[in-house]
Amino acid sequence: MFHQRSVVNQAAKNGTQTTIKIGYVKWALLPIVRERGTLEKDLTAQNIQINWVGPFPNFAPLLETLNARSTDIASGGSIPVITGLAGGADICLIAYRPPDIKSQTIVVPKNSPVRQVSDLVGKKVAVNKGGAGELVVLQALKQAKIPENKVERVYLGPTDALPALVQGHVDAWAIWDPGLSTAEEQYGARRLVENNPAPSYGVYVVRRPVLAEHPQAVKAIVDILKQEGNWATNNPEKSATILEKAMGLSPAVIKRVVANRPPEQVLPLEPKVIAEIQEVADWMVEQKVIPKRVDVASAVCPAAN
């Protein structure tokens, strides 16, 4: 279940009001922006109303709301976004966040005999199908020169995967924050690979019809998100306090999450980033994670070029 919080725009009485629905997951920048109320405060005078939709556990259910037109703008990892584009989602990429290096990897229980990727042969690894977790495992196996069919991938979402790991139903888990920090801090999980073997960018997306109908509103929102990203990057302790409330996790877990995260900067897409996302998209086709090739350059919003 998700909920919406509407901000009443008194200025709308004097003009045409535009309502933009922003979907968000429990971590990263958007819950910080929501709690700070900056969008509402800065956009009231422009007759722009913000409806928050969420929080979601990950990008997959958020993508469904984009497809259902109950969300207009959202952010997620480039890998699940590519999966959505391959599935025909009518969205485009409008900005990006620096790649995850420390905040996504493969973990095993603290007493596990698995010490290196090659030890996963014959074992079960929990991953989210077609998402970042599956790609991390496939890339780790590729780097270790292990055939992917030697390791069983068990398709579980984050909510089900953590208890499966703790209870021994799977031998490892490919996960991102906050699940990663929760597993490490609360259950003593150990990283099998220190850094993410398949770093992915965070991307901000918007439904194309919304961008076409309300380009100035979308631009105004993205401009404020850029400012908020700089604030969050420069104020990690204050950001951690907000995330602690938004995520309902312990201060120790939140401290790990903040330490693992890349800068929360919201940056305009550039050729180098587009090319690197394209490399991942092409590799996903080769690995049959997605059914067809995604042309990332054509998926970039016109206003972001």
C-alpha atoms as a PDB file:
ATOM      1  CA  MET A   1       0.000   0.000   0.000  1.00  0.00           C
ATOM      2  CA  PHE A   2       1.101   3.545  -0.597  1.00  0.00           C
ATOM      3  CA  HIS A   3      -0.316   6.867   0.383  1.00  0.00           C
ATOM      4  CA  GLN A   4      -0.445  10.330  -1.115  1.00  0.00           C
ATOM      5  CA  ARG A   5       0.180  13.623   0.632  1.00  0.00           C
ATOM      6  CA  SER A   6      -1.255  16.633  -1.142  1.00  0.00           C
ATOM      7  CA  VAL A   7      -0.091  20.155  -0.540  1.00  0.00           C
ATOM      8  CA  VAL A   8      -2.926  22.626  -0.905  1.00  0.00           C
ATOM      9  CA  ASN A   9      -1.924  25.467  -3.163  1.00  0.00           C
ATOM     10  CA  GLN A  10      -3.739  28.603  -2.095  1.00  0.00           C
ATOM     11  CA  ALA A  11      -2.273  30.487  -5.042  1.00  0.00           C
ATOM     12  CA  ALA A  12      -4.215  28.213  -7.373  1.00  0.00           C
ATOM     13  CA  LYS A  13      -7.297  30.351  -6.735  1.00  0.00           C
ATOM     14  CA  ASN A  14      -5.703  33.014  -8.893  1.00  0.00           C
ATOM     15  CA  GLY A  15      -4.582  30.862 -11.798  1.00  0.00           C
ATOM     16  CA  THR A  16      -4.430  27.463 -13.408  1.00  0.00           C
ATOM     17  CA  GLN A  17      -2.994  24.866 -11.063  1.00  0.00           C
ATOM     18  CA  THR A  18      -0.643  22.132 -12.212  1.00  0.00           C
ATOM     19  CA  THR A  19      -0.441  18.967 -10.115  1.00  0.00           C
ATOM     20  CA  ILE A  20       2.670  16.783 -10.362  1.00  0.00           C
ATOM     21  CA  LYS A  21       2.797  13.411  -8.637  1.00  0.00           C
ATOM     22  CA  ILE A  22       6.242  12.359  -7.368  1.00  0.00           C
ATOM     23  CA  GLY A  23       6.840   8.730  -6.446  1.00  0.00           C
ATOM     24  CA  TYR A  24       9.615   7.883  -4.035  1.00  0.00           C
ATOM     25  CA  VAL A  25      11.390   4.975  -2.373  1.00  0.00           C
ATOM     26  CA  LYS A  26      12.350   4.959   1.308  1.00  0.00           C
ATOM     27  CA  TRP A  27      15.946   6.038   0.830  1.00  0.00           C
ATOM     28  CA  ALA A  28      18.033   8.436  -1.276  1.00  0.00           C
ATOM     29  CA  LEU A  29      17.162  12.062  -1.932  1.00  0.00           C
ATOM     30  CA  LEU A  30      13.414  12.217  -2.491  1.00  0.00           C
ATOM     31  CA  PRO A  31      12.287  11.320   1.063  1.00  0.00           C
ATOM     32  CA  ILE A  32      14.656  14.042   2.297  1.00  0.00           C
ATOM     33  CA  VAL A  33      13.096  16.558  -0.091  1.00  0.00           C
ATOM     34  CA  ARG A  34       9.613  15.459   0.962  1.00  0.00           C
ATOM     35  CA  GLU A  35      10.371  15.916   4.638  1.00  0.00           C
ATOM     36  CA  ARG A  36      12.011  19.319   4.115  1.00  0.00           C
ATOM     37  CA  GLY A  37       9.006  20.572   2.135  1.00  0.00           C
ATOM     38  CA  THR A  38      11.182  22.619  -0.199  1.00  0.00           C
ATOM     39  CA  LEU A  39       9.249  21.826  -3.368  1.00  0.00           C
ATOM     40  CA  GLU A  40       5.954  22.862  -1.828  1.00  0.00           C
ATOM     41  CA  LYS A  41       7.407  26.053  -0.375  1.00  0.00           C
ATOM     42  CA  ASP A  42       9.143  27.135  -3.583  1.00  0.00           C
ATOM     43  CA  LEU A  43       6.462  26.140  -6.091  1.00  0.00           C
ATOM     44  CA  THR A  44       3.321  27.535  -4.475  1.00  0.00           C
ATOM     45  CA  ALA A  45       3.771  30.890  -6.162  1.00  0.00           C
ATOM     46  CA  GLN A  46       3.931  29.115  -9.543  1.00  0.00           C
ATOM     47  CA  ASN A  47       0.591  27.341  -8.962  1.00  0.00           C
ATOM     48  CA  ILE A  48       2.323  23.949  -8.917  1.00  0.00           C
ATOM     49  CA  GLN A  49       0.955  21.404  -6.466  1.00  0.00           C
ATOM     50  CA  ILE A  50       3.012  18.382  -5.419  1.00  0.00           C
ATOM     51  CA  ASN A  51       1.422  15.034  -4.548  1.00  0.00           C
ATOM     52  CA  TRP A  52       3.830  12.546  -2.952  1.00  0.00           C
ATOM     53  CA  VAL A  53       3.208   8.881  -3.747  1.00  0.00           C
ATOM     54  CA  GLY A  54       4.972   6.297  -1.611  1.00  0.00           C
ATOM     55  CA  PRO A  55       7.135   5.172  -0.020  1.00  0.00           C
ATOM     56  CA  PHE A  56       8.001   2.100  -2.082  1.00  0.00           C
ATOM     57  CA  PRO A  57      10.476  -0.663  -1.125  1.00  0.00           C
ATOM     58  CA  ASN A  58      12.217  -0.492  -4.514  1.00  0.00           C
ATOM     59  CA  PHE A  59      11.740   0.822  -8.038  1.00  0.00           C
ATOM     60  CA  ALA A  60       9.768  -2.113  -9.504  1.00  0.00           C
ATOM     61  CA  PRO A  61       6.397  -1.262  -7.885  1.00  0.00           C
ATOM     62  CA  LEU A  62       7.110   2.425  -8.455  1.00  0.00           C
ATOM     63  CA  LEU A  63       7.493   1.676 -12.168  1.00  0.00           C
ATOM     64  CA  GLU A  64       4.026   0.139 -12.120  1.00  0.00           C
ATOM     65  CA  THR A  65       2.592   3.431 -10.859  1.00  0.00           C
ATOM     66  CA  LEU A  66       4.366   5.298 -13.662  1.00  0.00           C
ATOM     67  CA  ASN A  67       2.796   2.919 -16.163  1.00  0.00           C
ATOM     68  CA  ALA A  68      -0.587   3.409 -14.479  1.00  0.00           C
ATOM     69  CA  ARG A  69      -0.145   7.213 -14.657  1.00  0.00           C
ATOM     70  CA  SER A  70      -0.561   7.555 -10.882  1.00  0.00           C
ATOM     71  CA  THR A  71       3.021   8.856 -10.631  1.00  0.00           C
ATOM     72  CA  ASP A  72       4.654  11.438 -12.900  1.00  0.00           C
ATOM     73  CA  ILE A  73       8.256  11.777 -11.686  1.00  0.00           C
ATOM     74  CA  ALA A  74      10.426   9.256  -9.852  1.00  0.00           C
ATOM     75  CA  SER A  75      13.996   8.134  -9.349  1.00  0.00           C
ATOM     76  CA  GLY A  76      15.613   4.710  -9.319  1.00  0.00           C
ATOM     77  CA  GLY A  77      18.669   2.776 -10.349  1.00  0.00           C
ATOM     78  CA  SER A  78      19.547   2.815 -14.036  1.00  0.00           C
ATOM     79  CA  ILE A  79      19.213  -0.985 -14.212  1.00  0.00           C
ATOM     80  CA  PRO A  80      15.537  -1.238 -13.173  1.00  0.00           C
ATOM     81  CA  VAL A  81      14.821   1.833 -15.284  1.00  0.00           C
ATOM     82  CA  ILE A  82      16.355   0.073 -18.310  1.00  0.00           C
ATOM     83  CA  THR A  83      14.176  -2.934 -17.528  1.00  0.00           C
ATOM     84  CA  GLY A  84      11.145  -0.643 -17.504  1.00  0.00           C
ATOM     85  CA  LEU A  85      12.098   0.957 -20.816  1.00  0.00           C
ATOM     86  CA  ALA A  86      12.553  -2.482 -22.379  1.00  0.00           C
ATOM     87  CA  GLY A  87       9.039  -3.269 -21.194  1.00  0.00           C
ATOM     88  CA  GLY A  88       7.614  -0.218 -22.956  1.00  0.00           C
ATOM     89  CA  ALA A  89       7.370   2.290 -20.112  1.00  0.00           C
ATOM     90  CA  ASP A  90       6.517   5.728 -21.538  1.00  0.00           C
ATOM     91  CA  ILE A  91       9.212   7.543 -19.561  1.00  0.00           C
ATOM     92  CA  CYS A  92      12.403   9.435 -20.282  1.00  0.00           C
ATOM     93  CA  LEU A  93      15.575  10.134 -18.310  1.00  0.00           C
ATOM     94  CA  ILE A  94      15.938  13.730 -17.164  1.00  0.00           C
ATOM     95  CA  ALA A  95      18.885  13.669 -14.710  1.00  0.00           C
ATOM     96  CA  TYR A  96      21.274  11.292 -12.964  1.00  0.00           C
ATOM     97  CA  ARG A  97      23.025  10.667  -9.666  1.00  0.00           C
ATOM     98  CA  PRO A  98      26.645   9.425  -9.364  1.00  0.00           C
ATOM     99  CA  PRO A  99      27.002   5.625  -9.437  1.00  0.00           C
ATOM    100  CA  ASP A 100      26.694   3.257  -6.494  1.00  0.00           C
ATOM    101  CA  ILE A 101      30.056   1.848  -5.495  1.00  0.00           C
ATOM    102  CA  LYS A 102      29.730   0.965  -1.810  1.00  0.00           C
ATOM    103  CA  SER A 103      25.968   0.751  -1.443  1.00  0.00           C
ATOM    104  CA  GLN A 104      25.301  -2.405  -3.457  1.00  0.00           C
ATOM    105  CA  THR A 105      27.008  -5.797  -3.441  1.00  0.00           C
ATOM    106  CA  ILE A 106      26.644  -9.484  -2.487  1.00  0.00           C
ATOM    107  CA  VAL A 107      26.465 -10.514   1.164  1.00  0.00           C
ATOM    108  CA  VAL A 108      26.560 -13.855   2.981  1.00  0.00           C
ATOM    109  CA  PRO A 109      25.723 -14.782   6.602  1.00  0.00           C
ATOM    110  CA  LYS A 110      28.524 -13.993   9.043  1.00  0.00           C
ATOM    111  CA  ASN A 111      29.365 -17.679   9.658  1.00  0.00           C
ATOM    112  CA  SER A 112      29.045 -18.734   6.021  1.00  0.00           C
ATOM    113  CA  PRO A 113      31.820 -20.907   4.558  1.00  0.00           C
ATOM    114  CA  VAL A 114      31.470 -18.896   1.338  1.00  0.00           C
ATOM    115  CA  ARG A 115      34.562 -16.679   1.172  1.00  0.00           C
ATOM    116  CA  GLN A 116      34.862 -15.777  -2.506  1.00  0.00           C
ATOM    117  CA  VAL A 117      32.663 -15.703  -5.577  1.00  0.00           C
ATOM    118  CA  SER A 118      33.868 -19.112  -6.744  1.00  0.00           C
ATOM    119  CA  ASP A 119      32.444 -20.596  -3.526  1.00  0.00           C
ATOM    120  CA  LEU A 120      28.966 -19.761  -4.806  1.00  0.00           C
ATOM    121  CA  VAL A 121      29.089 -22.676  -7.245  1.00  0.00           C
ATOM    122  CA  GLY A 122      26.182 -24.967  -6.391  1.00  0.00           C
ATOM    123  CA  LYS A 123      24.718 -22.372  -4.020  1.00  0.00           C
ATOM    124  CA  LYS A 124      21.553 -20.238  -4.027  1.00  0.00           C
ATOM    125  CA  VAL A 125      21.695 -16.456  -4.343  1.00  0.00           C
ATOM    126  CA  ALA A 126      18.681 -14.208  -3.785  1.00  0.00           C
ATOM    127  CA  VAL A 127      18.285 -11.522  -6.456  1.00  0.00           C
ATOM    128  CA  ASN A 128      15.535  -9.256  -7.769  1.00  0.00           C
ATOM    129  CA  LYS A 129      14.642 -10.522 -11.223  1.00  0.00           C
ATOM    130  CA  GLY A 130      15.762  -8.277 -14.046  1.00  0.00           C
ATOM    131  CA  GLY A 131      17.063  -5.705 -11.601  1.00  0.00           C
ATOM    132  CA  ALA A 132      20.264  -4.515 -10.020  1.00  0.00           C
ATOM    133  CA  GLY A 133      20.724  -7.589  -7.836  1.00  0.00           C
ATOM    134  CA  GLU A 134      20.607 -10.013 -10.745  1.00  0.00           C
ATOM    135  CA  LEU A 135      23.045  -7.933 -12.765  1.00  0.00           C
ATOM    136  CA  VAL A 136      25.474  -7.712  -9.839  1.00  0.00           C
ATOM    137  CA  VAL A 137      25.528 -11.504  -9.537  1.00  0.00           C
ATOM    138  CA  LEU A 138      25.937 -12.061 -13.268  1.00  0.00           C
ATOM    139  CA  GLN A 139      28.763  -9.544 -13.462  1.00  0.00           C
ATOM    140  CA  ALA A 140      30.511 -11.015 -10.393  1.00  0.00           C
ATOM    141  CA  LEU A 141      30.335 -14.475 -11.936  1.00  0.00           C
ATOM    142  CA  LYS A 142      31.641 -13.142 -15.236  1.00  0.00           C
ATOM    143  CA  GLN A 143      34.609 -11.487 -13.538  1.00  0.00           C
ATOM    144  CA  ALA A 144      35.345 -14.724 -11.671  1.00  0.00           C
ATOM    145  CA  LYS A 145      35.019 -16.701 -14.949  1.00  0.00           C
ATOM    146  CA  ILE A 146      32.256 -18.884 -13.537  1.00  0.00           C
ATOM    147  CA  PRO A 147      29.418 -20.029 -15.843  1.00  0.00           C
ATOM    148  CA  GLU A 148      26.219 -18.398 -14.681  1.00  0.00           C
ATOM    149  CA  ASN A 149      24.346 -21.713 -14.689  1.00  0.00           C
ATOM    150  CA  LYS A 150      26.626 -22.979 -11.921  1.00  0.00           C
ATOM    151  CA  VAL A 151      24.881 -20.710  -9.403  1.00  0.00           C
ATOM    152  CA  GLU A 152      21.144 -20.804  -8.747  1.00  0.00           C
ATOM    153  CA  ARG A 153      19.444 -17.415  -8.749  1.00  0.00           C
ATOM    154  CA  VAL A 154      16.411 -17.277  -6.469  1.00  0.00           C
ATOM    155  CA  TYR A 155      14.069 -14.429  -7.385  1.00  0.00           C
ATOM    156  CA  LEU A 156      13.013 -12.575  -4.252  1.00  0.00           C
ATOM    157  CA  GLY A 157      12.268  -8.956  -3.436  1.00  0.00           C
ATOM    158  CA  PRO A 158      14.163  -7.262  -0.592  1.00  0.00           C
ATOM    159  CA  THR A 159      11.378  -7.844   1.955  1.00  0.00           C
ATOM    160  CA  ASP A 160      11.459 -11.614   1.457  1.00  0.00           C
ATOM    161  CA  ALA A 161      15.164 -11.993   0.716  1.00  0.00           C
ATOM    162  CA  LEU A 162      16.504 -10.845   4.092  1.00  0.00           C
ATOM    163  CA  PRO A 163      14.611 -13.454   6.152  1.00  0.00           C
ATOM    164  CA  ALA A 164      15.494 -16.058   3.514  1.00  0.00           C
ATOM    165  CA  LEU A 165      19.180 -15.255   4.045  1.00  0.00           C
ATOM    166  CA  VAL A 166      18.941 -15.183   7.841  1.00  0.00           C
ATOM    167  CA  GLN A 167      16.996 -18.458   7.967  1.00  0.00           C
ATOM    168  CA  GLY A 168      19.371 -20.220   5.581  1.00  0.00           C
ATOM    169  CA  HIS A 169      16.979 -20.672   2.663  1.00  0.00           C
ATOM    170  CA  VAL A 170      19.519 -18.946   0.407  1.00  0.00           C
ATOM    171  CA  ASP A 171      23.310 -18.826   0.715  1.00  0.00           C
ATOM    172  CA  ALA A 172      23.859 -15.241  -0.431  1.00  0.00           C
ATOM    173  CA  TRP A 173      21.968 -12.080  -1.304  1.00  0.00           C
ATOM    174  CA  ALA A 174      22.679  -9.427  -3.943  1.00  0.00           C
ATOM    175  CA  ILE A 175      21.288  -6.267  -2.412  1.00  0.00           C
ATOM    176  CA  TRP A 176      21.551  -2.491  -2.168  1.00  0.00           C
ATOM    177  CA  ASP A 177      20.957  -0.064   0.668  1.00  0.00           C
ATOM    178  CA  PRO A 178      19.129   0.098   2.987  1.00  0.00           C
ATOM    179  CA  GLY A 179      18.874  -3.697   2.882  1.00  0.00           C
ATOM    180  CA  LEU A 180      22.657  -3.970   2.663  1.00  0.00           C
ATOM    181  CA  SER A 181      23.304  -1.885   5.772  1.00  0.00           C
ATOM    182  CA  THR A 182      20.467  -3.610   7.659  1.00  0.00           C
ATOM    183  CA  ALA A 183      21.937  -7.050   6.909  1.00  0.00           C
ATOM    184  CA  GLU A 184      25.410  -5.922   7.968  1.00  0.00           C
ATOM    185  CA  GLU A 185      24.471  -3.973  11.094  1.00  0.00           C
ATOM    186  CA  GLN A 186      21.658  -6.100  12.514  1.00  0.00           C
ATOM    187  CA  TYR A 187      22.636  -9.580  11.354  1.00  0.00           C
ATOM    188  CA  GLY A 188      26.390  -9.384  10.914  1.00  0.00           C
ATOM    189  CA  ALA A 189      26.222 -10.211   7.205  1.00  0.00           C
ATOM    190  CA  ARG A 190      29.587 -10.174   5.461  1.00  0.00           C
ATOM    191  CA  ARG A 191      30.373  -8.692   2.052  1.00  0.00           C
ATOM    192  CA  LEU A 192      31.459 -11.306  -0.432  1.00  0.00           C
ATOM    193  CA  VAL A 193      32.574  -8.543  -2.780  1.00  0.00           C
ATOM    194  CA  GLU A 194      33.658  -5.271  -1.166  1.00  0.00           C
ATOM    195  CA  ASN A 195      32.527  -2.954  -3.944  1.00  0.00           C
ATOM    196  CA  ASN A 196      29.710  -3.190  -6.446  1.00  0.00           C
ATOM    197  CA  PRO A 197      30.931  -5.294  -9.413  1.00  0.00           C
ATOM    198  CA  ALA A 198      28.352  -3.615 -11.660  1.00  0.00           C
ATOM    199  CA  PRO A 199      28.016   0.019 -10.517  1.00  0.00           C
ATOM    200  CA  SER A 200      24.833   1.630 -11.730  1.00  0.00           C
ATOM    201  CA  TYR A 201      23.791   5.244 -11.872  1.00  0.00           C
ATOM    202  CA  GLY A 202      20.717   6.577 -10.188  1.00  0.00           C
ATOM    203  CA  VAL A 203      18.409   8.274 -12.682  1.00  0.00           C
ATOM    204  CA  TYR A 204      15.435  10.600 -12.477  1.00  0.00           C
ATOM    205  CA  VAL A 205      12.597   9.853 -14.869  1.00  0.00           C
ATOM    206  CA  VAL A 206       9.412  11.582 -15.939  1.00  0.00           C
ATOM    207  CA  ARG A 207       6.433  10.382 -17.919  1.00  0.00           C
ATOM    208  CA  ARG A 208       6.746  11.744 -21.443  1.00  0.00           C
ATOM    209  CA  PRO A 209       3.149  13.050 -21.658  1.00  0.00           C
ATOM    210  CA  VAL A 210       3.649  15.003 -18.423  1.00  0.00           C
ATOM    211  CA  LEU A 211       6.879  16.550 -19.717  1.00  0.00           C
ATOM    212  CA  ALA A 212       5.161  17.487 -22.980  1.00  0.00           C
ATOM    213  CA  GLU A 213       2.181  19.075 -21.212  1.00  0.00           C
ATOM    214  CA  HIS A 214       4.000  20.732 -18.303  1.00  0.00           C
ATOM    215  CA  PRO A 215       7.629  21.323 -19.333  1.00  0.00           C
ATOM    216  CA  GLN A 216       8.104  24.401 -17.153  1.00  0.00           C
ATOM    217  CA  ALA A 217       6.734  22.660 -14.063  1.00  0.00           C
ATOM    218  CA  VAL A 218       9.031  19.679 -14.606  1.00  0.00           C
ATOM    219  CA  LYS A 219      12.016  21.971 -15.120  1.00  0.00           C
ATOM    220  CA  ALA A 220      11.192  23.899 -11.950  1.00  0.00           C
ATOM    221  CA  ILE A 221      11.015  20.661  -9.963  1.00  0.00           C
ATOM    222  CA  VAL A 222      14.315  19.340 -11.334  1.00  0.00           C
ATOM    223  CA  ASP A 223      16.037  22.658 -10.617  1.00  0.00           C
ATOM    224  CA  ILE A 224      14.931  22.474  -6.982  1.00  0.00           C
ATOM    225  CA  LEU A 225      15.983  18.814  -6.751  1.00  0.00           C
ATOM    226  CA  LYS A 226      19.456  19.857  -7.898  1.00  0.00           C
ATOM    227  CA  GLN A 227      19.628  22.372  -5.057  1.00  0.00           C
ATOM    228  CA  GLU A 228      18.316  19.801  -2.584  1.00  0.00           C
ATOM    229  CA  GLY A 229      20.877  17.257  -3.777  1.00  0.00           C
ATOM    230  CA  ASN A 230      23.654  19.712  -3.027  1.00  0.00           C
ATOM    231  CA  TRP A 231      22.156  20.398   0.401  1.00  0.00           C
ATOM    232  CA  ALA A 232      21.937  16.668   1.236  1.00  0.00           C
ATOM    233  CA  THR A 233      25.507  16.071   0.046  1.00  0.00           C
ATOM    234  CA  ASN A 234      26.829  18.943   2.160  1.00  0.00           C
ATOM    235  CA  ASN A 235      24.748  18.073   5.242  1.00  0.00           C
ATOM    236  CA  PRO A 236      25.146  14.310   5.784  1.00  0.00           C
ATOM    237  CA  GLU A 237      24.261  14.370   9.495  1.00  0.00           C
ATOM    238  CA  LYS A 238      21.042  16.315   8.934  1.00  0.00           C
ATOM    239  CA  SER A 239      20.220  14.042   5.994  1.00  0.00           C
ATOM    240  CA  ALA A 240      20.771  10.993   8.197  1.00  0.00           C
ATOM    241  CA  THR A 241      18.362  12.378  10.807  1.00  0.00           C
ATOM    242  CA  ILE A 242      15.668  12.829   8.167  1.00  0.00           C
ATOM    243  CA  LEU A 243      16.262   9.375   6.666  1.00  0.00           C
ATOM    244  CA  GLU A 244      16.121   7.777  10.105  1.00  0.00           C
ATOM    245  CA  LYS A 245      12.589   9.109  10.471  1.00  0.00           C
ATOM    246  CA  ALA A 246      11.574   8.347   6.876  1.00  0.00           C
ATOM    247  CA  MET A 247      12.949   4.809   6.828  1.00  0.00           C
ATOM    248  CA  GLY A 248      12.124   3.760  10.370  1.00  0.00           C
ATOM    249  CA  LEU A 249      15.561   2.204  10.839  1.00  0.00           C
ATOM    250  CA  SER A 250      18.040   2.450  13.678  1.00  0.00           C
ATOM    251  CA  PRO A 251      20.588   5.282  13.814  1.00  0.00           C
ATOM    252  CA  ALA A 252      23.391   2.730  13.352  1.00  0.00           C
ATOM    253  CA  VAL A 253      21.877   1.400  10.130  1.00  0.00           C
ATOM    254  CA  ILE A 254      21.210   4.903   8.818  1.00  0.00           C
ATOM    255  CA  LYS A 255      24.793   5.889   9.583  1.00  0.00           C
ATOM    256  CA  ARG A 256      25.967   3.014   7.374  1.00  0.00           C
ATOM    257  CA  VAL A 257      23.522   3.955   4.628  1.00  0.00           C
ATOM    258  CA  VAL A 258      24.734   7.553   4.535  1.00  0.00           C
ATOM    259  CA  ALA A 259      28.393   6.475   4.602  1.00  0.00           C
ATOM    260  CA  ASN A 260      27.813   4.069   1.698  1.00  0.00           C
ATOM    261  CA  ARG A 261      25.854   6.435  -0.519  1.00  0.00           C
ATOM    262  CA  PRO A 262      27.381   8.346  -3.405  1.00  0.00           C
ATOM    263  CA  PRO A 263      26.775  12.124  -3.420  1.00  0.00           C
ATOM    264  CA  GLU A 264      23.074  12.881  -3.797  1.00  0.00           C
ATOM    265  CA  GLN A 265      23.793  15.305  -6.614  1.00  0.00           C
ATOM    266  CA  VAL A 266      21.182  15.665  -9.343  1.00  0.00           C
ATOM    267  CA  LEU A 267      23.152  16.202 -12.531  1.00  0.00           C
ATOM    268  CA  PRO A 268      22.283  16.794 -16.211  1.00  0.00           C
ATOM    269  CA  LEU A 269      22.846  13.757 -18.379  1.00  0.00           C
ATOM    270  CA  GLU A 270      26.056  13.936 -20.400  1.00  0.00           C
ATOM    271  CA  PRO A 271      27.414  11.789 -23.260  1.00  0.00           C
ATOM    272  CA  LYS A 272      29.818   9.824 -21.035  1.00  0.00           C
ATOM    273  CA  VAL A 273      27.059   8.827 -18.618  1.00  0.00           C
ATOM    274  CA  ILE A 274      24.650   7.956 -21.430  1.00  0.00           C
ATOM    275  CA  ALA A 275      27.333   5.772 -23.037  1.00  0.00           C
ATOM    276  CA  GLU A 276      28.038   3.935 -19.780  1.00  0.00           C
ATOM    277  CA  ILE A 277      24.344   3.299 -19.153  1.00  0.00           C
ATOM    278  CA  GLN A 278      24.116   2.040 -22.743  1.00  0.00           C
ATOM    279  CA  GLU A 279      26.912  -0.455 -22.062  1.00  0.00           C
ATOM    280  CA  VAL A 280      24.939  -1.874 -19.168  1.00  0.00           C
ATOM    281  CA  ALA A 281      21.754  -1.972 -21.249  1.00  0.00           C
ATOM    282  CA  ASP A 282      23.523  -3.877 -24.042  1.00  0.00           C
ATOM    283  CA  TRP A 283      25.007  -6.325 -21.560  1.00  0.00           C
ATOM    284  CA  MET A 284      21.541  -6.904 -20.102  1.00  0.00           C
ATOM    285  CA  VAL A 285      20.331  -7.912 -23.566  1.00  0.00           C
ATOM    286  CA  GLU A 286      23.280 -10.267 -24.006  1.00  0.00           C
ATOM    287  CA  GLN A 287      22.509 -11.881 -20.666  1.00  0.00           C
ATOM    288  CA  LYS A 288      18.806 -12.105 -21.571  1.00  0.00           C
ATOM    289  CA  VAL A 289      17.878 -10.028 -18.517  1.00  0.00           C
ATOM    290  CA  ILE A 290      15.740  -7.868 -20.845  1.00  0.00           C
ATOM    291  CA  PRO A 291      14.060  -9.017 -24.079  1.00  0.00           C
ATOM    292  CA  LYS A 292      15.288  -6.296 -26.433  1.00  0.00           C
ATOM    293  CA  ARG A 293      17.881  -3.551 -26.805  1.00  0.00           C
ATOM    294  CA  VAL A 294      17.184  -0.157 -25.277  1.00  0.00           C
ATOM    295  CA  ASP A 295      18.562   2.907 -27.055  1.00  0.00           C
ATOM    296  CA  VAL A 296      19.485   5.007 -24.026  1.00  0.00           C
ATOM    297  CA  ALA A 297      20.194   8.192 -25.996  1.00  0.00           C
ATOM    298  CA  SER A 298      16.655   8.178 -27.412  1.00  0.00           C
ATOM    299  CA  ALA A 299      15.313   7.579 -23.889  1.00  0.00           C
ATOM    300  CA  VAL A 300      16.834  10.846 -22.637  1.00  0.00           C
ATOM    301  CA  CYS A 301      14.256  13.604 -22.228  1.00  0.00           C
ATOM    302  CA  PRO A 302      14.532  16.350 -24.880  1.00  0.00           C
ATOM    303  CA  ALA A 303      14.809  18.987 -22.153  1.00  0.00           C
ATOM    304  CA  ALA A 304      17.818  17.149 -20.666  1.00  0.00           C
ATOM    305  CA  ASN A 305      19.897  17.191 -23.845  1.00  0.00           C
END
